[in-house]
């Protein structure tokens, strides 16, 4: 059974978006995506809330 974790990052002055961009540009996101058992690691930027980022992190199971 898959484990899906939804995390909302919220900040001020677009700090949540800057955090997500830094995670991507640093290569950390690619490292997480390449870990055994990772099925999905994606950031979404809500159109109507520029101060929030949604992270969807999906794993094959809890052990992964």
PDB file of N, CA and C in Angstrom:
ATOM      1  N   UNK A   1       0.841  -1.178   0.000  1.00  0.00           N
ATOM      2  CA  UNK A   1       0.000   0.000   0.000  1.00  0.00           C
ATOM      3  C   UNK A   1       0.889   1.243   0.000  1.00  0.00           C
ATOM      4  N   UNK A   2       0.600   2.170  -0.875  1.00  0.00           N
ATOM      5  CA  UNK A   2       1.372   3.411  -0.987  1.00  0.00           C
ATOM      6  C   UNK A   2       1.129   4.326   0.202  1.00  0.00           C
ATOM      7  N   UNK A   3       2.128   5.141   0.477  1.00  0.00           N
ATOM      8  CA  UNK A   3       2.021   6.176   1.492  1.00  0.00           C
ATOM      9  C   UNK A   3       2.141   7.513   0.774  1.00  0.00           C
ATOM     10  N   UNK A   4       1.129   8.351   0.908  1.00  0.00           N
ATOM     11  CA  UNK A   4       1.131   9.664   0.267  1.00  0.00           C
ATOM     12  C   UNK A   4       1.078  10.729   1.350  1.00  0.00           C
ATOM     13  N   UNK A   5       2.018  11.655   1.287  1.00  0.00           N
ATOM     14  CA  UNK A   5       2.100  12.735   2.264  1.00  0.00           C
ATOM     15  C   UNK A   5       1.909  14.048   1.518  1.00  0.00           C
ATOM     16  N   UNK A   6       0.952  14.844   1.953  1.00  0.00           N
ATOM     17  CA  UNK A   6       0.707  16.171   1.386  1.00  0.00           C
ATOM     18  C   UNK A   6       1.147  17.200   2.413  1.00  0.00           C
ATOM     19  N   UNK A   7       2.036  18.084   2.015  1.00  0.00           N
ATOM     20  CA  UNK A   7       2.546  19.119   2.916  1.00  0.00           C
ATOM     21  C   UNK A   7       2.335  20.479   2.260  1.00  0.00           C
ATOM     22  N   UNK A   8       1.723  21.382   3.017  1.00  0.00           N
ATOM     23  CA  UNK A   8       1.578  22.763   2.562  1.00  0.00           C
ATOM     24  C   UNK A   8       2.644  23.612   3.243  1.00  0.00           C
ATOM     25  N   UNK A   9       3.463  24.277   2.443  1.00  0.00           N
ATOM     26  CA  UNK A   9       4.429  25.242   2.946  1.00  0.00           C
ATOM     27  C   UNK A   9       3.827  26.619   2.715  1.00  0.00           C
ATOM     28  N   UNK A  10       3.788  27.427   3.762  1.00  0.00           N
ATOM     29  CA  UNK A  10       3.258  28.778   3.637  1.00  0.00           C
ATOM     30  C   UNK A  10       4.264  29.759   4.227  1.00  0.00           C
ATOM     31  N   UNK A  11       4.429  30.876   3.561  1.00  0.00           N
ATOM     32  CA  UNK A  11       5.361  31.892   4.045  1.00  0.00           C
ATOM     33  C   UNK A  11       4.886  33.272   3.646  1.00  0.00           C
ATOM     34  N   UNK A  12       5.786  34.201   3.783  1.00  0.00           N
ATOM     35  CA  UNK A  12       5.496  35.577   3.381  1.00  0.00           C
ATOM     36  C   UNK A  12       6.517  35.998   2.343  1.00  0.00           C
ATOM     37  N   UNK A  13       6.115  36.936   1.506  1.00  0.00           N
ATOM     38  CA  UNK A  13       6.992  37.474   0.452  1.00  0.00           C
ATOM     39  C   UNK A  13       7.530  36.362  -0.447  1.00  0.00           C
ATOM     40  N   UNK A  14       6.677  35.404  -0.749  1.00  0.00           N
ATOM     41  CA  UNK A  14       6.980  34.284  -1.648  1.00  0.00           C
ATOM     42  C   UNK A  14       8.117  33.384  -1.141  1.00  0.00           C
ATOM     43  N   UNK A  15       8.329  33.344   0.170  1.00  0.00           N
ATOM     44  CA  UNK A  15       9.405  32.519   0.723  1.00  0.00           C
ATOM     45  C   UNK A  15       9.153  31.028   0.506  1.00  0.00           C
ATOM     46  N   UNK A  16       7.895  30.600   0.492  1.00  0.00           N
ATOM     47  CA  UNK A  16       7.598  29.181   0.254  1.00  0.00           C
ATOM     48  C   UNK A  16       7.983  28.785  -1.173  1.00  0.00           C
ATOM     49  N   UNK A  17       7.699  29.640  -2.115  1.00  0.00           N
ATOM     50  CA  UNK A  17       8.062  29.371  -3.506  1.00  0.00           C
ATOM     51  C   UNK A  17       9.584  29.374  -3.663  1.00  0.00           C
ATOM     52  N   UNK A  18      10.247  30.300  -3.012  1.00  0.00           N
ATOM     53  CA  UNK A  18      11.713  30.349  -3.075  1.00  0.00           C
ATOM     54  C   UNK A  18      12.321  29.089  -2.456  1.00  0.00           C
ATOM     55  N   UNK A  19      11.716  28.593  -1.367  1.00  0.00           N
ATOM     56  CA  UNK A  19      12.181  27.354  -0.748  1.00  0.00           C
ATOM     57  C   UNK A  19      12.091  26.193  -1.738  1.00  0.00           C
ATOM     58  N   UNK A  20      10.952  26.058  -2.394  1.00  0.00           N
ATOM     59  CA  UNK A  20      10.764  24.975  -3.363  1.00  0.00           C
ATOM     60  C   UNK A  20      11.756  25.100  -4.522  1.00  0.00           C
ATOM     61  N   UNK A  21      11.950  26.290  -5.018  1.00  0.00           N
ATOM     62  CA  UNK A  21      12.896  26.502  -6.122  1.00  0.00           C
ATOM     63  C   UNK A  21      14.318  26.136  -5.703  1.00  0.00           C
ATOM     64  N   UNK A  22      14.687  26.469  -4.471  1.00  0.00           N
ATOM     65  CA  UNK A  22      16.023  26.132  -3.971  1.00  0.00           C
ATOM     66  C   UNK A  22      16.185  24.620  -3.835  1.00  0.00           C
ATOM     67  N   UNK A  23      15.152  23.945  -3.367  1.00  0.00           N
ATOM     68  CA  UNK A  23      15.192  22.479  -3.255  1.00  0.00           C
ATOM     69  C   UNK A  23      15.420  21.853  -4.637  1.00  0.00           C
ATOM     70  N   UNK A  24      14.756  22.397  -5.640  1.00  0.00           N
ATOM     71  CA  UNK A  24      14.887  21.874  -7.001  1.00  0.00           C
ATOM     72  C   UNK A  24      16.270  22.190  -7.564  1.00  0.00           C
ATOM     73  N   UNK A  25      16.697  23.444  -7.470  1.00  0.00           N
ATOM     74  CA  UNK A  25      17.968  23.842  -8.083  1.00  0.00           C
ATOM     75  C   UNK A  25      19.179  23.233  -7.379  1.00  0.00           C
ATOM     76  N   UNK A  26      19.050  22.901  -6.104  1.00  0.00           N
ATOM     77  CA  UNK A  26      20.176  22.313  -5.368  1.00  0.00           C
ATOM     78  C   UNK A  26      20.404  20.848  -5.710  1.00  0.00           C
ATOM     79  N   UNK A  27      19.420  20.236  -6.370  1.00  0.00           N
ATOM     80  CA  UNK A  27      19.534  18.822  -6.711  1.00  0.00           C
ATOM     81  C   UNK A  27      18.946  17.892  -5.658  1.00  0.00           C
ATOM     82  N   UNK A  28      18.501  18.443  -4.550  1.00  0.00           N
ATOM     83  CA  UNK A  28      17.942  17.614  -3.485  1.00  0.00           C
ATOM     84  C   UNK A  28      16.664  16.903  -3.933  1.00  0.00           C
ATOM     85  N   UNK A  29      15.857  17.579  -4.717  1.00  0.00           N
ATOM     86  CA  UNK A  29      14.628  16.958  -5.210  1.00  0.00           C
ATOM     87  C   UNK A  29      14.954  15.732  -6.069  1.00  0.00           C
ATOM     88  N   UNK A  30      15.931  15.835  -6.936  1.00  0.00           N
ATOM     89  CA  UNK A  30      16.324  14.688  -7.762  1.00  0.00           C
ATOM     90  C   UNK A  30      16.843  13.543  -6.904  1.00  0.00           C
ATOM     91  N   UNK A  31      17.583  13.865  -5.849  1.00  0.00           N
ATOM     92  CA  UNK A  31      18.084  12.817  -4.949  1.00  0.00           C
ATOM     93  C   UNK A  31      16.932  12.083  -4.284  1.00  0.00           C
ATOM     94  N   UNK A  32      15.940  12.820  -3.820  1.00  0.00           N
ATOM     95  CA  UNK A  32      14.773  12.202  -3.176  1.00  0.00           C
ATOM     96  C   UNK A  32      14.015  11.349  -4.183  1.00  0.00           C
ATOM     97  N   UNK A  33      13.804  11.870  -5.377  1.00  0.00           N
ATOM     98  CA  UNK A  33      13.087  11.113  -6.407  1.00  0.00           C
ATOM     99  C   UNK A  33      13.803   9.819  -6.783  1.00  0.00           C
ATOM    100  N   UNK A  34      15.114   9.794  -6.653  1.00  0.00           N
ATOM    101  CA  UNK A  34      15.892   8.608  -7.008  1.00  0.00           C
ATOM    102  C   UNK A  34      16.046   7.608  -5.868  1.00  0.00           C
ATOM    103  N   UNK A  35      15.532   7.946  -4.687  1.00  0.00           N
ATOM    104  CA  UNK A  35      15.609   7.010  -3.574  1.00  0.00           C
ATOM    105  C   UNK A  35      14.702   5.813  -3.839  1.00  0.00           C
ATOM    106  N   UNK A  36      15.172   4.652  -3.413  1.00  0.00           N
ATOM    107  CA  UNK A  36      14.387   3.432  -3.592  1.00  0.00           C
ATOM    108  C   UNK A  36      13.051   3.584  -2.868  1.00  0.00           C
ATOM    109  N   UNK A  37      11.989   3.296  -3.583  1.00  0.00           N
ATOM    110  CA  UNK A  37      10.650   3.357  -3.014  1.00  0.00           C
ATOM    111  C   UNK A  37       9.908   4.650  -3.270  1.00  0.00           C
ATOM    112  N   UNK A  38      10.606   5.695  -3.754  1.00  0.00           N
ATOM    113  CA  UNK A  38       9.917   6.949  -4.026  1.00  0.00           C
ATOM    114  C   UNK A  38       9.159   6.840  -5.338  1.00  0.00           C
ATOM    115  N   UNK A  39       7.891   7.176  -5.299  1.00  0.00           N
ATOM    116  CA  UNK A  39       7.051   7.116  -6.491  1.00  0.00           C
ATOM    117  C   UNK A  39       6.745   8.506  -7.051  1.00  0.00           C
ATOM    118  N   UNK A  40       6.764   9.517  -6.154  1.00  0.00           N
ATOM    119  CA  UNK A  40       6.391  10.858  -6.604  1.00  0.00           C
ATOM    120  C   UNK A  40       6.884  11.879  -5.584  1.00  0.00           C
ATOM    121  N   UNK A  41       7.436  12.950  -6.078  1.00  0.00           N
ATOM    122  CA  UNK A  41       7.865  14.068  -5.244  1.00  0.00           C
ATOM    123  C   UNK A  41       7.692  15.308  -6.103  1.00  0.00           C
ATOM    124  N   UNK A  42       6.576  16.011  -5.896  1.00  0.00           N
ATOM    125  CA  UNK A  42       6.252  17.130  -6.774  1.00  0.00           C
ATOM    126  C   UNK A  42       5.742  18.326  -5.986  1.00  0.00           C
ATOM    127  N   UNK A  43       6.138  19.504  -6.440  1.00  0.00           N
ATOM    128  CA  UNK A  43       5.638  20.750  -5.870  1.00  0.00           C
ATOM    129  C   UNK A  43       4.553  21.315  -6.783  1.00  0.00           C
ATOM    130  N   UNK A  44       3.533  21.886  -6.153  1.00  0.00           N
ATOM    131  CA  UNK A  44       2.464  22.559  -6.881  1.00  0.00           C
ATOM    132  C   UNK A  44       2.289  23.948  -6.284  1.00  0.00           C
ATOM    133  N   UNK A  45       2.030  24.911  -7.150  1.00  0.00           N
ATOM    134  CA  UNK A  45       1.901  26.297  -6.746  1.00  0.00           C
ATOM    135  C   UNK A  45       0.452  26.734  -6.980  1.00  0.00           C
ATOM    136  N   UNK A  46      -0.364  26.832  -5.917  1.00  0.00           N
ATOM    137  CA  UNK A  46      -1.760  27.223  -6.089  1.00  0.00           C
ATOM    138  C   UNK A  46      -1.896  28.580  -6.769  1.00  0.00           C
ATOM    139  N   UNK A  47      -2.718  28.606  -7.755  1.00  0.00           N
ATOM    140  CA  UNK A  47      -2.903  29.809  -8.565  1.00  0.00           C
ATOM    141  C   UNK A  47      -3.416  30.994  -7.746  1.00  0.00           C
ATOM    142  N   UNK A  48      -4.284  30.723  -6.780  1.00  0.00           N
ATOM    143  CA  UNK A  48      -4.911  31.810  -6.039  1.00  0.00           C
ATOM    144  C   UNK A  48      -4.225  32.123  -4.711  1.00  0.00           C
ATOM    145  N   UNK A  49      -3.126  31.431  -4.405  1.00  0.00           N
ATOM    146  CA  UNK A  49      -2.422  31.691  -3.152  1.00  0.00           C
ATOM    147  C   UNK A  49      -0.912  31.713  -3.409  1.00  0.00           C
ATOM    148  N   UNK A  50      -0.360  32.867  -3.746  1.00  0.00           N
ATOM    149  CA  UNK A  50       1.062  32.941  -4.091  1.00  0.00           C
ATOM    150  C   UNK A  50       2.008  32.737  -2.907  1.00  0.00           C
ATOM    151  N   UNK A  51       1.472  32.577  -1.702  1.00  0.00           N
ATOM    152  CA  UNK A  51       2.302  32.386  -0.516  1.00  0.00           C
ATOM    153  C   UNK A  51       2.347  30.925  -0.053  1.00  0.00           C
ATOM    154  N   UNK A  52       1.760  30.022  -0.837  1.00  0.00           N
ATOM    155  CA  UNK A  52       1.686  28.614  -0.432  1.00  0.00           C
ATOM    156  C   UNK A  52       2.187  27.705  -1.539  1.00  0.00           C
ATOM    157  N   UNK A  53       2.845  26.625  -1.119  1.00  0.00           N
ATOM    158  CA  UNK A  53       3.309  25.580  -2.025  1.00  0.00           C
ATOM    159  C   UNK A  53       2.823  24.250  -1.456  1.00  0.00           C
ATOM    160  N   UNK A  54       2.319  23.384  -2.322  1.00  0.00           N
ATOM    161  CA  UNK A  54       1.903  22.046  -1.929  1.00  0.00           C
ATOM    162  C   UNK A  54       2.954  21.062  -2.407  1.00  0.00           C
ATOM    163  N   UNK A  55       3.440  20.223  -1.490  1.00  0.00           N
ATOM    164  CA  UNK A  55       4.343  19.132  -1.835  1.00  0.00           C
ATOM    165  C   UNK A  55       3.569  17.826  -1.722  1.00  0.00           C
ATOM    166  N   UNK A  56       3.606  17.031  -2.783  1.00  0.00           N
ATOM    167  CA  UNK A  56       3.048  15.678  -2.753  1.00  0.00           C
ATOM    168  C   UNK A  56       4.219  14.717  -2.807  1.00  0.00           C
ATOM    169  N   UNK A  57       4.356  13.934  -1.753  1.00  0.00           N
ATOM    170  CA  UNK A  57       5.465  13.000  -1.578  1.00  0.00           C
ATOM    171  C   UNK A  57       4.868  11.604  -1.456  1.00  0.00           C
ATOM    172  N   UNK A  58       5.116  10.722  -2.435  1.00  0.00           N
ATOM    173  CA  UNK A  58       4.519   9.387  -2.452  1.00  0.00           C
ATOM    174  C   UNK A  58       5.605   8.320  -2.434  1.00  0.00           C
ATOM    175  N   UNK A  59       5.380   7.317  -1.585  1.00  0.00           N
ATOM    176  CA  UNK A  59       6.323   6.218  -1.405  1.00  0.00           C
ATOM    177  C   UNK A  59       5.606   4.892  -1.596  1.00  0.00           C
ATOM    178  N   UNK A  60       6.358   3.874  -2.002  1.00  0.00           N
ATOM    179  CA  UNK A  60       5.775   2.539  -2.224  1.00  0.00           C
ATOM    180  C   UNK A  60       5.098   2.016  -0.968  1.00  0.00           C
ATOM    181  N   UNK A  61       5.712   2.250   0.181  1.00  0.00           N
ATOM    182  CA  UNK A  61       5.152   1.786   1.446  1.00  0.00           C
ATOM    183  C   UNK A  61       5.798   2.580   2.583  1.00  0.00           C
ATOM    184  N   UNK A  62       5.357   2.341   3.800  1.00  0.00           N
ATOM    185  CA  UNK A  62       5.869   3.085   4.936  1.00  0.00           C
ATOM    186  C   UNK A  62       7.346   2.792   5.205  1.00  0.00           C
ATOM    187  N   UNK A  63       7.786   1.595   4.939  1.00  0.00           N
ATOM    188  CA  UNK A  63       9.176   1.226   5.158  1.00  0.00           C
ATOM    189  C   UNK A  63      10.129   1.999   4.248  1.00  0.00           C
ATOM    190  N   UNK A  64       9.684   2.304   3.035  1.00  0.00           N
ATOM    191  CA  UNK A  64      10.525   3.035   2.082  1.00  0.00           C
ATOM    192  C   UNK A  64      10.778   4.426   2.581  1.00  0.00           C
TER     193      UNK A  64
END
